[in-house]
Amino acid sequence: METLLPLAGFAFASSITPGPNNLMLSASGIAFGLRRTLPHLAGVVAGFEVLLVVCASGVGALVGAFPAAGFAMKAIGSGYLLYLAWSMRGVFSPDVASRPSKPLTFVEAALFQFVNPKAWLMAITAVSVFVPPREPRWLAVAEVCGVFGAINLPCVGAWAVVGAALRRSLAIERWADYFRLVVGVLMLYAVAAIWVGGDSPIAPMPAP
């Protein structure tokens, strides 16, 4: 598979850098620990794999062909990310009572991928650029899904692990304030990045 190395590079770069999924996983690791965050983590990976298959079936090309659909997706995704940024403000508080009561479930995390414009961009790029033009197509798509899954899981999992490791440090309110500020800025950057760059219906963004 001659596209394997470029695909692996794209999967790694888009999976490891900061974005909504990774920030949410870190926040969950801080608030609930790694064990309770595992369903959220599994949902992110599984949901994106399903999204890859959906895009490979032709839905991705359909979305790309209609600017209104891309605009609506960006608007919905931006609104949801702003809602998450607001609702996550208590995650980094030393006061346990002010934190969210439960982490995202597997289903919630999987469904989030379908309103995440960055996930759509990644999936559309992966299937349009890296699926080799050969038959049977389902096998070529399965290869792309396999490479992405193998790389995506440890990358996003690392963010959950980092969050869980930070739990004790963030019990000190000074560090919690700093981290809250950094995450807030990154979430706002993720929203701004949705609207910046290119003329495609789903604007290029740096990472999930």
C-alpha atoms as a PDB file:
ATOM      1  CA  MET A   1       0.000   0.000   0.000  1.00  0.00           C
ATOM      2  CA  GLU A   2       1.985   2.963  -1.279  1.00  0.00           C
ATOM      3  CA  THR A   3      -0.162   5.502   0.582  1.00  0.00           C
ATOM      4  CA  LEU A   4       0.448   3.829   3.961  1.00  0.00           C
ATOM      5  CA  LEU A   5       3.210   6.140   5.182  1.00  0.00           C
ATOM      6  CA  PRO A   6       1.476   9.403   4.157  1.00  0.00           C
ATOM      7  CA  LEU A   7      -1.781   8.101   5.649  1.00  0.00           C
ATOM      8  CA  ALA A   8      -0.049   7.197   8.910  1.00  0.00           C
ATOM      9  CA  GLY A   9       1.531  10.657   9.040  1.00  0.00           C
ATOM     10  CA  PHE A  10      -1.811  12.356   8.426  1.00  0.00           C
ATOM     11  CA  ALA A  11      -3.540  10.175  11.024  1.00  0.00           C
ATOM     12  CA  PHE A  12      -0.881  10.918  13.630  1.00  0.00           C
ATOM     13  CA  ALA A  13      -0.742  14.678  13.012  1.00  0.00           C
ATOM     14  CA  SER A  14      -4.507  15.045  13.064  1.00  0.00           C
ATOM     15  CA  SER A  15      -5.000  12.806  16.095  1.00  0.00           C
ATOM     16  CA  ILE A  16      -2.283  13.940  18.506  1.00  0.00           C
ATOM     17  CA  THR A  17      -2.590  17.732  18.353  1.00  0.00           C
ATOM     18  CA  PRO A  18      -5.083  19.734  20.469  1.00  0.00           C
ATOM     19  CA  GLY A  19      -8.718  19.773  19.450  1.00  0.00           C
ATOM     20  CA  PRO A  20     -12.230  19.245  20.867  1.00  0.00           C
ATOM     21  CA  ASN A  21     -11.935  15.473  21.344  1.00  0.00           C
ATOM     22  CA  ASN A  22      -8.534  15.642  23.003  1.00  0.00           C
ATOM     23  CA  LEU A  23      -9.443  18.562  25.260  1.00  0.00           C
ATOM     24  CA  MET A  24     -12.667  16.854  26.308  1.00  0.00           C
ATOM     25  CA  LEU A  25     -10.790  13.628  27.068  1.00  0.00           C
ATOM     26  CA  SER A  26      -8.234  15.486  29.174  1.00  0.00           C
ATOM     27  CA  ALA A  27     -11.025  17.247  31.044  1.00  0.00           C
ATOM     28  CA  SER A  28     -12.752  13.924  31.664  1.00  0.00           C
ATOM     29  CA  GLY A  29      -9.500  12.386  32.884  1.00  0.00           C
ATOM     30  CA  ILE A  30      -9.103  15.258  35.345  1.00  0.00           C
ATOM     31  CA  ALA A  31     -12.682  15.139  36.601  1.00  0.00           C
ATOM     32  CA  PHE A  32     -13.313  11.387  36.644  1.00  0.00           C
ATOM     33  CA  GLY A  33      -9.990   9.541  36.271  1.00  0.00           C
ATOM     34  CA  LEU A  34      -8.852   7.257  33.477  1.00  0.00           C
ATOM     35  CA  ARG A  35     -11.070   4.254  34.206  1.00  0.00           C
ATOM     36  CA  ARG A  36     -14.339   6.220  34.055  1.00  0.00           C
ATOM     37  CA  THR A  37     -13.118   8.024  30.911  1.00  0.00           C
ATOM     38  CA  LEU A  38     -12.567   4.790  28.947  1.00  0.00           C
ATOM     39  CA  PRO A  39     -16.130   4.654  27.502  1.00  0.00           C
ATOM     40  CA  HIS A  40     -15.697   8.250  26.285  1.00  0.00           C
ATOM     41  CA  LEU A  41     -12.358   7.320  24.728  1.00  0.00           C
ATOM     42  CA  ALA A  42     -13.791   4.231  23.027  1.00  0.00           C
ATOM     43  CA  GLY A  43     -16.715   6.266  21.720  1.00  0.00           C
ATOM     44  CA  VAL A  44     -14.407   8.823  20.093  1.00  0.00           C
ATOM     45  CA  VAL A  45     -12.447   6.135  18.261  1.00  0.00           C
ATOM     46  CA  ALA A  46     -15.477   4.042  17.258  1.00  0.00           C
ATOM     47  CA  GLY A  47     -17.519   7.068  16.203  1.00  0.00           C
ATOM     48  CA  PHE A  48     -14.748   8.314  13.952  1.00  0.00           C
ATOM     49  CA  GLU A  49     -14.362   4.882  12.363  1.00  0.00           C
ATOM     50  CA  VAL A  50     -18.079   4.892  11.529  1.00  0.00           C
ATOM     51  CA  LEU A  51     -17.735   8.415  10.156  1.00  0.00           C
ATOM     52  CA  LEU A  52     -14.921   7.221   7.875  1.00  0.00           C
ATOM     53  CA  VAL A  53     -17.182   4.506   6.489  1.00  0.00           C
ATOM     54  CA  VAL A  54     -20.037   6.997   6.038  1.00  0.00           C
ATOM     55  CA  CYS A  55     -17.789   9.377   4.113  1.00  0.00           C
ATOM     56  CA  ALA A  56     -16.410   6.523   2.003  1.00  0.00           C
ATOM     57  CA  SER A  57     -19.979   5.581   1.046  1.00  0.00           C
ATOM     58  CA  GLY A  58     -20.356   8.915  -0.731  1.00  0.00           C
ATOM     59  CA  VAL A  59     -21.881  11.066   1.997  1.00  0.00           C
ATOM     60  CA  GLY A  60     -18.633  12.995   2.390  1.00  0.00           C
ATOM     61  CA  ALA A  61     -18.639  13.988  -1.277  1.00  0.00           C
ATOM     62  CA  LEU A  62     -22.301  14.969  -0.990  1.00  0.00           C
ATOM     63  CA  VAL A  63     -21.580  17.248   1.973  1.00  0.00           C
ATOM     64  CA  GLY A  64     -18.649  18.776   0.110  1.00  0.00           C
ATOM     65  CA  ALA A  65     -20.843  19.471  -2.924  1.00  0.00           C
ATOM     66  CA  PHE A  66     -23.336  21.599  -1.001  1.00  0.00           C
ATOM     67  CA  PRO A  67     -21.892  24.723   0.674  1.00  0.00           C
ATOM     68  CA  ALA A  68     -25.098  25.201   2.684  1.00  0.00           C
ATOM     69  CA  ALA A  69     -24.646  21.792   4.290  1.00  0.00           C
ATOM     70  CA  GLY A  70     -21.061  22.619   5.185  1.00  0.00           C
ATOM     71  CA  PHE A  71     -22.101  25.992   6.631  1.00  0.00           C
ATOM     72  CA  ALA A  72     -24.845  24.396   8.713  1.00  0.00           C
ATOM     73  CA  MET A  73     -22.401  21.801  10.019  1.00  0.00           C
ATOM     74  CA  LYS A  74     -19.887  24.472  10.979  1.00  0.00           C
ATOM     75  CA  ALA A  75     -22.580  26.512  12.732  1.00  0.00           C
ATOM     76  CA  ILE A  76     -23.897  23.511  14.683  1.00  0.00           C
ATOM     77  CA  GLY A  77     -20.383  22.347  15.538  1.00  0.00           C
ATOM     78  CA  SER A  78     -19.308  25.815  16.666  1.00  0.00           C
ATOM     79  CA  GLY A  79     -22.378  26.203  18.855  1.00  0.00           C
ATOM     80  CA  TYR A  80     -21.833  22.812  20.431  1.00  0.00           C
ATOM     81  CA  LEU A  81     -18.144  23.506  21.083  1.00  0.00           C
ATOM     82  CA  LEU A  82     -19.009  26.827  22.751  1.00  0.00           C
ATOM     83  CA  TYR A  83     -21.570  25.007  24.886  1.00  0.00           C
ATOM     84  CA  LEU A  84     -18.925  22.436  25.851  1.00  0.00           C
ATOM     85  CA  ALA A  85     -16.409  25.171  26.667  1.00  0.00           C
ATOM     86  CA  TRP A  86     -18.960  26.742  29.021  1.00  0.00           C
ATOM     87  CA  SER A  87     -20.117  23.495  30.608  1.00  0.00           C
ATOM     88  CA  MET A  88     -16.530  22.297  31.153  1.00  0.00           C
ATOM     89  CA  ARG A  89     -15.607  25.335  33.244  1.00  0.00           C
ATOM     90  CA  GLY A  90     -16.257  23.441  36.481  1.00  0.00           C
ATOM     91  CA  VAL A  91     -14.126  20.422  35.507  1.00  0.00           C
ATOM     92  CA  PHE A  92     -10.929  22.074  36.699  1.00  0.00           C
ATOM     93  CA  SER A  93     -12.294  23.306  39.999  1.00  0.00           C
ATOM     94  CA  PRO A  94     -10.848  21.829  43.199  1.00  0.00           C
ATOM     95  CA  ASP A  95     -14.412  21.843  44.522  1.00  0.00           C
ATOM     96  CA  VAL A  96     -15.700  18.383  43.613  1.00  0.00           C
ATOM     97  CA  ALA A  97     -19.303  19.495  44.070  1.00  0.00           C
ATOM     98  CA  SER A  98     -18.998  21.956  41.169  1.00  0.00           C
ATOM     99  CA  ARG A  99     -17.806  19.354  38.655  1.00  0.00           C
ATOM    100  CA  PRO A 100     -20.033  17.565  36.130  1.00  0.00           C
ATOM    101  CA  SER A 101     -21.788  14.552  37.643  1.00  0.00           C
ATOM    102  CA  LYS A 102     -20.775  12.003  35.004  1.00  0.00           C
ATOM    103  CA  PRO A 103     -18.455  11.600  32.020  1.00  0.00           C
ATOM    104  CA  LEU A 104     -19.642  11.250  28.428  1.00  0.00           C
ATOM    105  CA  THR A 105     -20.941   7.802  27.598  1.00  0.00           C
ATOM    106  CA  PHE A 106     -19.734   5.685  24.690  1.00  0.00           C
ATOM    107  CA  VAL A 107     -22.793   6.623  22.605  1.00  0.00           C
ATOM    108  CA  GLU A 108     -22.559  10.354  23.397  1.00  0.00           C
ATOM    109  CA  ALA A 109     -18.881  10.478  22.444  1.00  0.00           C
ATOM    110  CA  ALA A 110     -19.515   8.524  19.234  1.00  0.00           C
ATOM    111  CA  LEU A 111     -22.411  10.773  18.201  1.00  0.00           C
ATOM    112  CA  PHE A 112     -20.312  13.870  18.879  1.00  0.00           C
ATOM    113  CA  GLN A 113     -18.103  12.939  15.922  1.00  0.00           C
ATOM    114  CA  PHE A 114     -21.041  13.616  13.600  1.00  0.00           C
ATOM    115  CA  VAL A 115     -21.374  17.247  14.731  1.00  0.00           C
ATOM    116  CA  ASN A 116     -17.631  17.835  14.884  1.00  0.00           C
ATOM    117  CA  PRO A 117     -16.575  19.661  11.678  1.00  0.00           C
ATOM    118  CA  LYS A 118     -12.949  18.765  12.280  1.00  0.00           C
ATOM    119  CA  ALA A 119     -13.803  15.057  12.372  1.00  0.00           C
ATOM    120  CA  TRP A 120     -15.688  15.457   9.084  1.00  0.00           C
ATOM    121  CA  LEU A 121     -12.720  17.216   7.517  1.00  0.00           C
ATOM    122  CA  MET A 122     -10.369  14.454   8.645  1.00  0.00           C
ATOM    123  CA  ALA A 123     -12.688  11.721   7.385  1.00  0.00           C
ATOM    124  CA  ILE A 124     -13.354  13.388   4.031  1.00  0.00           C
ATOM    125  CA  THR A 125      -9.625  13.988   3.519  1.00  0.00           C
ATOM    126  CA  ALA A 126      -8.735  10.426   4.485  1.00  0.00           C
ATOM    127  CA  VAL A 127     -11.196   8.759   2.120  1.00  0.00           C
ATOM    128  CA  SER A 128     -10.655  11.159  -0.793  1.00  0.00           C
ATOM    129  CA  VAL A 129      -6.855  11.213  -0.655  1.00  0.00           C
ATOM    130  CA  PHE A 130      -5.734   7.947   0.906  1.00  0.00           C
ATOM    131  CA  VAL A 131      -8.214   5.255  -0.180  1.00  0.00           C
ATOM    132  CA  PRO A 132      -6.389   3.503  -3.025  1.00  0.00           C
ATOM    133  CA  PRO A 133      -8.327   3.345  -6.342  1.00  0.00           C
ATOM    134  CA  ARG A 134      -8.665  -0.422  -6.540  1.00  0.00           C
ATOM    135  CA  GLU A 135     -11.211  -3.155  -6.100  1.00  0.00           C
ATOM    136  CA  PRO A 136     -12.745  -4.352  -3.943  1.00  0.00           C
ATOM    137  CA  ARG A 137     -13.307  -0.848  -2.593  1.00  0.00           C
ATOM    138  CA  TRP A 138     -14.544  -2.083   0.776  1.00  0.00           C
ATOM    139  CA  LEU A 139     -11.141  -3.660   1.417  1.00  0.00           C
ATOM    140  CA  ALA A 140      -9.345  -0.434   0.522  1.00  0.00           C
ATOM    141  CA  VAL A 141     -11.636   1.483   2.888  1.00  0.00           C
ATOM    142  CA  ALA A 142     -11.050  -1.134   5.588  1.00  0.00           C
ATOM    143  CA  GLU A 143      -7.287  -0.614   5.269  1.00  0.00           C
ATOM    144  CA  VAL A 144      -7.668   3.127   5.804  1.00  0.00           C
ATOM    145  CA  CYS A 145      -9.974   2.540   8.776  1.00  0.00           C
ATOM    146  CA  GLY A 146      -7.511   0.061  10.263  1.00  0.00           C
ATOM    147  CA  VAL A 147      -4.543   2.432   9.979  1.00  0.00           C
ATOM    148  CA  PHE A 148      -6.539   5.334  11.399  1.00  0.00           C
ATOM    149  CA  GLY A 149      -7.895   3.257  14.264  1.00  0.00           C
ATOM    150  CA  ALA A 150      -4.468   1.904  15.203  1.00  0.00           C
ATOM    151  CA  ILE A 151      -2.990   5.413  15.334  1.00  0.00           C
ATOM    152  CA  ASN A 152      -5.986   7.362  16.612  1.00  0.00           C
ATOM    153  CA  LEU A 153      -6.537   5.218  19.721  1.00  0.00           C
ATOM    154  CA  PRO A 154      -3.130   5.733  21.394  1.00  0.00           C
ATOM    155  CA  CYS A 155      -3.011   9.402  20.346  1.00  0.00           C
ATOM    156  CA  VAL A 156      -6.334  10.424  21.850  1.00  0.00           C
ATOM    157  CA  GLY A 157      -5.788   7.992  24.721  1.00  0.00           C
ATOM    158  CA  ALA A 158      -2.628   9.863  25.650  1.00  0.00           C
ATOM    159  CA  TRP A 159      -4.704  12.981  26.311  1.00  0.00           C
ATOM    160  CA  ALA A 160      -6.985  11.080  28.692  1.00  0.00           C
ATOM    161  CA  VAL A 161      -3.910   9.681  30.480  1.00  0.00           C
ATOM    162  CA  VAL A 162      -2.411  13.176  30.820  1.00  0.00           C
ATOM    163  CA  GLY A 163      -5.678  14.467  32.248  1.00  0.00           C
ATOM    164  CA  ALA A 164      -5.835  11.663  34.786  1.00  0.00           C
ATOM    165  CA  ALA A 165      -2.212  12.349  35.748  1.00  0.00           C
ATOM    166  CA  LEU A 166      -3.025  16.030  36.339  1.00  0.00           C
ATOM    167  CA  ARG A 167      -5.841  15.343  38.793  1.00  0.00           C
ATOM    168  CA  ARG A 168      -3.691  15.737  41.889  1.00  0.00           C
ATOM    169  CA  SER A 169      -1.907  18.879  40.675  1.00  0.00           C
ATOM    170  CA  LEU A 170      -5.191  20.568  39.835  1.00  0.00           C
ATOM    171  CA  ALA A 171      -6.329  20.099  43.411  1.00  0.00           C
ATOM    172  CA  ILE A 172      -4.168  23.209  43.962  1.00  0.00           C
ATOM    173  CA  GLU A 173      -6.451  26.066  42.921  1.00  0.00           C
ATOM    174  CA  ARG A 174      -3.646  28.148  41.374  1.00  0.00           C
ATOM    175  CA  TRP A 175      -2.831  25.398  38.853  1.00  0.00           C
ATOM    176  CA  ALA A 176      -6.521  24.796  38.203  1.00  0.00           C
ATOM    177  CA  ASP A 177      -6.955  28.461  37.259  1.00  0.00           C
ATOM    178  CA  TYR A 178      -4.041  28.328  34.811  1.00  0.00           C
ATOM    179  CA  PHE A 179      -5.279  25.136  33.182  1.00  0.00           C
ATOM    180  CA  ARG A 180      -8.833  26.471  32.950  1.00  0.00           C
ATOM    181  CA  LEU A 181      -7.506  29.525  31.094  1.00  0.00           C
ATOM    182  CA  VAL A 182      -5.380  27.449  28.684  1.00  0.00           C
ATOM    183  CA  VAL A 183      -8.202  25.050  27.873  1.00  0.00           C
ATOM    184  CA  GLY A 184     -10.651  27.914  27.401  1.00  0.00           C
ATOM    185  CA  VAL A 185      -8.320  29.599  24.921  1.00  0.00           C
ATOM    186  CA  LEU A 186      -7.751  26.328  23.037  1.00  0.00           C
ATOM    187  CA  MET A 187     -11.478  25.649  22.816  1.00  0.00           C
ATOM    188  CA  LEU A 188     -12.085  29.136  21.409  1.00  0.00           C
ATOM    189  CA  TYR A 189      -9.229  28.561  18.955  1.00  0.00           C
ATOM    190  CA  ALA A 190     -10.867  25.314  17.851  1.00  0.00           C
ATOM    191  CA  VAL A 191     -14.091  27.215  17.144  1.00  0.00           C
ATOM    192  CA  ALA A 192     -12.266  29.994  15.263  1.00  0.00           C
ATOM    193  CA  ALA A 193     -10.295  27.453  13.218  1.00  0.00           C
ATOM    194  CA  ILE A 194     -13.543  25.984  11.914  1.00  0.00           C
ATOM    195  CA  TRP A 195     -14.229  29.227  10.049  1.00  0.00           C
ATOM    196  CA  VAL A 196     -10.713  30.100   8.902  1.00  0.00           C
ATOM    197  CA  GLY A 197      -9.015  28.896   5.757  1.00  0.00           C
ATOM    198  CA  GLY A 198      -9.971  27.901   2.250  1.00  0.00           C
ATOM    199  CA  ASP A 199     -13.230  28.002   0.358  1.00  0.00           C
ATOM    200  CA  SER A 200     -14.277  24.423   1.020  1.00  0.00           C
ATOM    201  CA  PRO A 201     -17.575  23.909   2.839  1.00  0.00           C
ATOM    202  CA  ILE A 202     -15.668  22.530   5.791  1.00  0.00           C
ATOM    203  CA  ALA A 203     -12.652  24.745   6.364  1.00  0.00           C
ATOM    204  CA  PRO A 204      -9.264  23.093   7.043  1.00  0.00           C
ATOM    205  CA  MET A 205      -8.291  22.747  10.675  1.00  0.00           C
ATOM    206  CA  PRO A 206      -5.109  21.603  12.352  1.00  0.00           C
ATOM    207  CA  ALA A 207      -6.198  18.629  14.489  1.00  0.00           C
ATOM    208  CA  PRO A 208      -9.064  16.705  16.308  1.00  0.00           C
END
